[in-house]
Amino acid sequence: MAEWRIWRVAVEWPDYVLKASAIIGGGLAVLTFWRTAKVRRAEWLSNLHAKFFESSSYKRIRRVLDSSDVDPEFVQLKSDITDGRSTTFAEEFVDYLNFFEFVASLRRLGQIKSEEIAMLFEYYLRLLRKHDFVRRFVRDNGFEELDQLLEECVDRRPE
């Protein structure tokens, strides 16, 4: 009987070790996956940040929307947009809005969180919301995701 127990332990022990190793290995694989995914997400958000802040594509529109209502460039942009003129300035503005429409679409697809958008772009989204001519343009020209983003995300903090 004692021999049977020894033999049984000798046969079952490797099986237990293999099962425990599989569980530990699986757990480590999941942990590694999540860490890698977080790093890739951070890199992706960094690229999105760089595209908006470091590229010269949006600097002029950012500056103009942040200026006073009497600034000549602000007045010109407002006039171009309100009158429906297709100028280079208006095209830059549409490109700017397209960037945020893209971000809003990523949010809808679950690729970026509202909190991440707020951390990166809240100030600039508030600027879009601040100007009535911008809001009208967004609503009237097919920027549905951006309009929704402005309503939902920006409302989280009081102005």
Foldseek 3Di string as FASTA:
>chain_A
DVVVVVVVCVVCVVVVVVVVCVVVVVVVVVVVVVVVVVVVLVVVLVVLLCVAPVDPLQVVVLVLLPDDCPPPLVVVQLCCLVVVPDDPSVVSVVVVLVSLLVVLVCCVVVNDDLVSCCVRCLVVLVSCVVDPSSLVSCVVPPSVSSNVSSVPSNVPDDD
